[in-house]
Amino acid sequence: MVVPEKYTPQRGDVVWINFQSQAGREHGGRRPSIVLSNSNYNKVVGLAILCPITSKVKGYPFEVALPERFPISGVVLVDQVKSLDWKTREAEFIGKLDTKTMEKILGLLGKILEL
């Protein structure tokens, strides 16, 4: 699926995006991720704040499972927050997460950052 020119990622969107230029234990390659930043920020700045999603569930306390009926399966790696240029890295919309799952993600991020 190609991203329409008018598409701007919104908080709660799950998108395919290129995570290349990683190092160490960071996740790389084209992978699904959850958008944390709001659409105004994403549109004005041209970046989106994201967490990668992996299909390799390890049971770590910073993983949040995607809902069962979502188009893809896996867990959000809440401790691997990235800010990426969503246009250059060709963000491609997959679906929108439900409010309950987003609350879990943002709540866990708040605990990690002591917000």
N, C-alpha and C. Protein backbone atom coordinates (compact mmCIF):
# COMPACT_ATOMS: atom_id res chain seq x y z
N MET A 1 0.84 -1.17 0.00
CA MET A 1 0.00 0.00 0.00
C MET A 1 0.89 1.24 0.00
N VAL A 2 0.63 2.19 -0.87
CA VAL A 2 1.38 3.43 -0.95
C VAL A 2 0.66 4.47 -0.12
N VAL A 3 1.42 5.29 0.60
CA VAL A 3 0.83 6.33 1.43
C VAL A 3 0.35 7.47 0.54
N PRO A 4 -0.93 7.84 0.62
CA PRO A 4 -1.40 8.99 -0.14
C PRO A 4 -0.65 10.24 0.28
N GLU A 5 -0.48 11.18 -0.65
CA GLU A 5 0.23 12.43 -0.36
C GLU A 5 -0.36 13.15 0.84
N LYS A 6 -1.67 13.08 1.03
CA LYS A 6 -2.32 13.82 2.10
C LYS A 6 -2.27 13.10 3.44
N TYR A 7 -1.77 11.88 3.49
CA TYR A 7 -1.72 11.13 4.74
C TYR A 7 -0.68 11.73 5.68
N THR A 8 -1.09 11.97 6.91
CA THR A 8 -0.19 12.36 7.98
C THR A 8 -0.44 11.39 9.12
N PRO A 9 0.60 10.72 9.63
CA PRO A 9 0.40 9.78 10.73
C PRO A 9 -0.23 10.46 11.94
N GLN A 10 -1.10 9.75 12.61
CA GLN A 10 -1.77 10.23 13.81
C GLN A 10 -1.45 9.32 14.98
N ARG A 11 -1.54 9.86 16.19
CA ARG A 11 -1.33 9.03 17.38
C ARG A 11 -2.28 7.84 17.33
N GLY A 12 -1.71 6.66 17.56
CA GLY A 12 -2.51 5.44 17.53
C GLY A 12 -2.46 4.70 16.21
N ASP A 13 -1.92 5.34 15.16
CA ASP A 13 -1.76 4.64 13.88
C ASP A 13 -0.64 3.62 13.98
N VAL A 14 -0.84 2.48 13.35
CA VAL A 14 0.24 1.51 13.19
C VAL A 14 0.66 1.61 11.73
N VAL A 15 1.95 1.80 11.51
CA VAL A 15 2.48 2.01 10.16
C VAL A 15 3.69 1.11 9.92
N TRP A 16 3.90 0.76 8.64
CA TRP A 16 5.17 0.17 8.23
C TRP A 16 6.12 1.34 8.04
N ILE A 17 7.36 1.22 8.52
CA ILE A 17 8.34 2.29 8.34
C ILE A 17 9.74 1.69 8.36
N ASN A 18 10.66 2.34 7.69
CA ASN A 18 12.03 1.85 7.59
C ASN A 18 12.84 2.33 8.80
N PHE A 19 13.33 1.40 9.60
CA PHE A 19 14.12 1.70 10.79
C PHE A 19 15.62 1.55 10.53
N GLN A 20 16.07 1.60 9.26
CA GLN A 20 17.49 1.41 8.96
C GLN A 20 18.35 2.43 9.70
N SER A 21 19.62 2.15 9.80
CA SER A 21 20.61 2.96 10.53
C SER A 21 20.51 2.73 12.03
N GLN A 22 20.25 1.50 12.41
CA GLN A 22 20.21 1.13 13.81
C GLN A 22 21.60 0.69 14.27
N ALA A 23 21.76 0.57 15.57
CA ALA A 23 23.02 0.09 16.14
C ALA A 23 22.72 -0.76 17.37
N GLY A 24 23.63 -1.66 17.67
CA GLY A 24 23.49 -2.48 18.88
C GLY A 24 22.21 -3.29 18.90
N ARG A 25 21.44 -3.13 19.98
CA ARG A 25 20.22 -3.93 20.19
C ARG A 25 18.96 -3.26 19.63
N GLU A 26 19.12 -2.16 18.90
CA GLU A 26 17.98 -1.49 18.30
C GLU A 26 17.41 -2.33 17.17
N HIS A 27 16.11 -2.22 16.97
CA HIS A 27 15.46 -2.95 15.88
C HIS A 27 15.59 -2.15 14.60
N GLY A 28 15.91 -2.83 13.49
CA GLY A 28 16.10 -2.16 12.22
C GLY A 28 15.26 -2.76 11.12
N GLY A 29 15.46 -2.26 9.91
CA GLY A 29 14.72 -2.74 8.75
C GLY A 29 13.32 -2.16 8.68
N ARG A 30 12.58 -2.58 7.67
CA ARG A 30 11.19 -2.13 7.52
C ARG A 30 10.33 -2.97 8.45
N ARG A 31 9.65 -2.30 9.34
CA ARG A 31 8.87 -3.01 10.35
C ARG A 31 7.67 -2.17 10.76
N PRO A 32 6.69 -2.83 11.36
CA PRO A 32 5.54 -2.07 11.86
C PRO A 32 5.93 -1.30 13.12
N SER A 33 5.25 -0.19 13.33
CA SER A 33 5.48 0.60 14.54
C SER A 33 4.21 1.36 14.87
N ILE A 34 4.13 1.80 16.13
CA ILE A 34 2.99 2.57 16.60
C ILE A 34 3.39 4.04 16.70
N VAL A 35 2.53 4.92 16.21
CA VAL A 35 2.78 6.36 16.26
C VAL A 35 2.32 6.88 17.62
N LEU A 36 3.24 7.54 18.34
CA LEU A 36 2.94 8.11 19.65
C LEU A 36 2.62 9.60 19.57
N SER A 37 3.24 10.30 18.64
CA SER A 37 3.08 11.75 18.53
C SER A 37 1.78 12.10 17.81
N ASN A 38 1.28 13.31 18.07
CA ASN A 38 0.01 13.72 17.45
C ASN A 38 0.23 14.21 16.02
N SER A 39 -0.84 14.26 15.25
CA SER A 39 -0.74 14.59 13.83
C SER A 39 -0.25 16.01 13.58
N ASN A 40 -0.56 16.96 14.47
CA ASN A 40 -0.07 18.33 14.29
C ASN A 40 1.46 18.37 14.34
N TYR A 41 2.03 17.72 15.34
CA TYR A 41 3.49 17.64 15.45
C TYR A 41 4.06 16.96 14.21
N ASN A 42 3.50 15.83 13.84
CA ASN A 42 4.01 15.06 12.71
C ASN A 42 3.99 15.87 11.42
N LYS A 43 2.91 16.61 11.20
CA LYS A 43 2.77 17.39 9.97
C LYS A 43 3.73 18.58 9.94
N VAL A 44 3.79 19.33 11.04
CA VAL A 44 4.62 20.54 11.09
C VAL A 44 6.11 20.22 11.07
N VAL A 45 6.53 19.25 11.86
CA VAL A 45 7.95 18.94 12.02
C VAL A 45 8.44 17.96 10.95
N GLY A 46 7.55 17.12 10.44
CA GLY A 46 7.95 16.12 9.45
C GLY A 46 8.54 14.87 10.07
N LEU A 47 8.47 14.79 11.38
CA LEU A 47 8.94 13.61 12.11
C LEU A 47 7.74 12.99 12.82
N ALA A 48 7.88 11.73 13.21
CA ALA A 48 6.89 11.07 14.05
C ALA A 48 7.64 10.34 15.15
N ILE A 49 7.08 10.36 16.34
CA ILE A 49 7.66 9.62 17.46
C ILE A 49 6.97 8.27 17.50
N LEU A 50 7.77 7.20 17.44
CA LEU A 50 7.25 5.84 17.25
C LEU A 50 7.90 4.85 18.19
N CYS A 51 7.23 3.71 18.35
CA CYS A 51 7.81 2.53 18.99
C CYS A 51 7.69 1.38 18.01
N PRO A 52 8.76 0.60 17.83
CA PRO A 52 8.68 -0.54 16.91
C PRO A 52 7.79 -1.65 17.47
N ILE A 53 7.32 -2.48 16.57
CA ILE A 53 6.52 -3.66 16.91
C ILE A 53 7.29 -4.88 16.42
N THR A 54 7.34 -5.91 17.24
CA THR A 54 8.02 -7.15 16.85
C THR A 54 7.07 -8.34 17.00
N SER A 55 7.30 -9.35 16.20
CA SER A 55 6.52 -10.59 16.33
C SER A 55 7.18 -11.55 17.31
N LYS A 56 8.40 -11.21 17.76
CA LYS A 56 9.15 -12.07 18.68
C LYS A 56 8.83 -11.68 20.13
N VAL A 57 7.81 -12.28 20.67
CA VAL A 57 7.37 -11.99 22.04
C VAL A 57 8.34 -12.65 23.02
N LYS A 58 8.91 -11.85 23.92
CA LYS A 58 9.86 -12.37 24.90
C LYS A 58 9.34 -12.29 26.33
N GLY A 59 8.21 -11.63 26.51
CA GLY A 59 7.62 -11.52 27.84
C GLY A 59 8.25 -10.45 28.71
N TYR A 60 8.97 -9.52 28.11
CA TYR A 60 9.57 -8.43 28.87
C TYR A 60 8.48 -7.50 29.41
N PRO A 61 8.73 -6.85 30.53
CA PRO A 61 7.69 -6.00 31.13
C PRO A 61 7.36 -4.75 30.31
N PHE A 62 8.18 -4.40 29.33
CA PHE A 62 7.94 -3.21 28.52
C PHE A 62 7.28 -3.54 27.18
N GLU A 63 6.78 -4.76 27.02
CA GLU A 63 6.06 -5.16 25.81
C GLU A 63 4.55 -4.99 26.04
N VAL A 64 3.86 -4.48 25.02
CA VAL A 64 2.40 -4.40 25.05
C VAL A 64 1.88 -5.15 23.83
N ALA A 65 1.06 -6.15 24.07
CA ALA A 65 0.53 -6.98 22.98
C ALA A 65 -0.50 -6.22 22.14
N LEU A 66 -0.46 -6.46 20.84
CA LEU A 66 -1.48 -5.92 19.95
C LEU A 66 -2.77 -6.72 20.14
N PRO A 67 -3.92 -6.10 19.89
CA PRO A 67 -5.19 -6.83 20.03
C PRO A 67 -5.24 -8.05 19.09
N GLU A 68 -5.98 -9.06 19.49
CA GLU A 68 -6.06 -10.32 18.73
C GLU A 68 -6.53 -10.15 17.30
N ARG A 69 -7.47 -9.31 17.05
CA ARG A 69 -8.05 -9.19 15.70
C ARG A 69 -7.40 -8.08 14.88
N PHE A 70 -6.25 -7.59 15.30
CA PHE A 70 -5.56 -6.54 14.55
C PHE A 70 -4.95 -7.15 13.28
N PRO A 71 -4.76 -6.35 12.21
CA PRO A 71 -4.21 -6.88 10.95
C PRO A 71 -2.84 -7.54 11.06
N ILE A 72 -2.05 -7.18 12.06
CA ILE A 72 -0.75 -7.82 12.30
C ILE A 72 -0.72 -8.29 13.74
N SER A 73 0.20 -9.19 14.06
CA SER A 73 0.33 -9.66 15.45
C SER A 73 1.71 -9.31 15.97
N GLY A 74 1.81 -9.24 17.28
CA GLY A 74 3.09 -8.95 17.90
C GLY A 74 2.94 -8.09 19.13
N VAL A 75 4.06 -7.51 19.56
CA VAL A 75 4.08 -6.64 20.73
C VAL A 75 4.79 -5.34 20.41
N VAL A 76 4.33 -4.27 21.05
CA VAL A 76 4.96 -2.97 20.95
C VAL A 76 6.12 -2.94 21.93
N LEU A 77 7.30 -2.51 21.47
CA LEU A 77 8.48 -2.38 22.33
C LEU A 77 8.52 -0.95 22.85
N VAL A 78 7.85 -0.73 23.97
CA VAL A 78 7.64 0.62 24.49
C VAL A 78 8.95 1.30 24.89
N ASP A 79 9.97 0.53 25.21
CA ASP A 79 11.25 1.12 25.63
C ASP A 79 12.16 1.50 24.46
N GLN A 80 11.71 1.34 23.23
CA GLN A 80 12.55 1.66 22.07
C GLN A 80 11.95 2.80 21.25
N VAL A 81 11.73 3.93 21.89
CA VAL A 81 11.13 5.10 21.26
C VAL A 81 12.11 5.71 20.26
N LYS A 82 11.58 6.07 19.08
CA LYS A 82 12.39 6.68 18.02
C LYS A 82 11.64 7.85 17.43
N SER A 83 12.39 8.84 16.96
CA SER A 83 11.83 9.95 16.19
C SER A 83 12.35 9.80 14.77
N LEU A 84 11.44 9.60 13.81
CA LEU A 84 11.85 9.33 12.43
C LEU A 84 11.11 10.22 11.44
N ASP A 85 11.77 10.53 10.33
CA ASP A 85 11.17 11.26 9.22
C ASP A 85 10.22 10.31 8.49
N TRP A 86 8.94 10.46 8.72
CA TRP A 86 7.96 9.51 8.22
C TRP A 86 7.77 9.58 6.70
N LYS A 87 8.07 10.71 6.08
CA LYS A 87 7.95 10.80 4.62
C LYS A 87 9.13 10.10 3.95
N THR A 88 10.34 10.46 4.36
CA THR A 88 11.54 9.87 3.77
C THR A 88 11.58 8.37 3.99
N ARG A 89 11.11 7.93 5.15
CA ARG A 89 11.14 6.50 5.48
C ARG A 89 9.87 5.77 5.03
N GLU A 90 9.06 6.47 4.24
CA GLU A 90 7.90 5.89 3.55
C GLU A 90 6.92 5.17 4.49
N ALA A 91 6.40 5.93 5.45
CA ALA A 91 5.39 5.38 6.37
C ALA A 91 4.18 4.91 5.59
N GLU A 92 3.70 3.73 5.93
CA GLU A 92 2.57 3.11 5.24
C GLU A 92 1.55 2.64 6.27
N PHE A 93 0.35 3.19 6.22
CA PHE A 93 -0.69 2.91 7.21
C PHE A 93 -1.11 1.44 7.19
N ILE A 94 -1.19 0.83 8.39
CA ILE A 94 -1.66 -0.54 8.55
C ILE A 94 -3.03 -0.55 9.21
N GLY A 95 -3.17 0.20 10.29
CA GLY A 95 -4.42 0.22 11.04
C GLY A 95 -4.33 1.17 12.22
N LYS A 96 -5.42 1.29 12.95
CA LYS A 96 -5.51 2.19 14.10
C LYS A 96 -5.74 1.35 15.36
N LEU A 97 -4.92 1.59 16.38
CA LEU A 97 -5.08 0.86 17.64
C LEU A 97 -6.26 1.40 18.44
N ASP A 98 -6.86 0.53 19.22
CA ASP A 98 -7.97 0.93 20.09
C ASP A 98 -7.44 1.73 21.27
N THR A 99 -8.35 2.47 21.90
CA THR A 99 -8.00 3.35 23.02
C THR A 99 -7.37 2.58 24.18
N LYS A 100 -7.91 1.42 24.51
CA LYS A 100 -7.41 0.65 25.65
C LYS A 100 -5.94 0.26 25.45
N THR A 101 -5.58 -0.20 24.26
CA THR A 101 -4.19 -0.59 24.00
C THR A 101 -3.28 0.64 24.02
N MET A 102 -3.75 1.76 23.47
CA MET A 102 -2.95 2.99 23.50
C MET A 102 -2.72 3.45 24.93
N GLU A 103 -3.73 3.33 25.78
CA GLU A 103 -3.58 3.72 27.18
C GLU A 103 -2.52 2.87 27.87
N LYS A 104 -2.48 1.57 27.56
CA LYS A 104 -1.45 0.69 28.12
C LYS A 104 -0.06 1.15 27.68
N ILE A 105 0.08 1.45 26.40
CA ILE A 105 1.38 1.87 25.85
C ILE A 105 1.83 3.17 26.49
N LEU A 106 0.95 4.17 26.50
CA LEU A 106 1.32 5.48 27.06
C LEU A 106 1.53 5.40 28.57
N GLY A 107 0.76 4.56 29.26
CA GLY A 107 0.96 4.38 30.70
C GLY A 107 2.31 3.77 31.02
N LEU A 108 2.69 2.77 30.26
CA LEU A 108 3.99 2.12 30.47
C LEU A 108 5.12 3.07 30.13
N LEU A 109 4.96 3.84 29.06
CA LEU A 109 5.97 4.84 28.70
C LEU A 109 6.12 5.87 29.82
N GLY A 110 5.00 6.28 30.40
CA GLY A 110 5.04 7.21 31.53
C GLY A 110 5.80 6.65 32.72
N LYS A 111 5.63 5.36 32.99
CA LYS A 111 6.37 4.71 34.09
C LYS A 111 7.86 4.65 33.79
N ILE A 112 8.20 4.29 32.55
CA ILE A 112 9.62 4.21 32.17
C ILE A 112 10.30 5.57 32.32
N LEU A 113 9.58 6.64 31.92
CA LEU A 113 10.15 7.99 31.96
C LEU A 113 9.86 8.72 33.27
N GLU A 114 9.14 8.05 34.17
CA GLU A 114 8.73 8.64 35.45
C GLU A 114 7.99 9.96 35.25
N LEU A 115 6.99 9.93 34.38
CA LEU A 115 6.17 11.13 34.12
C LEU A 115 4.97 11.18 35.04
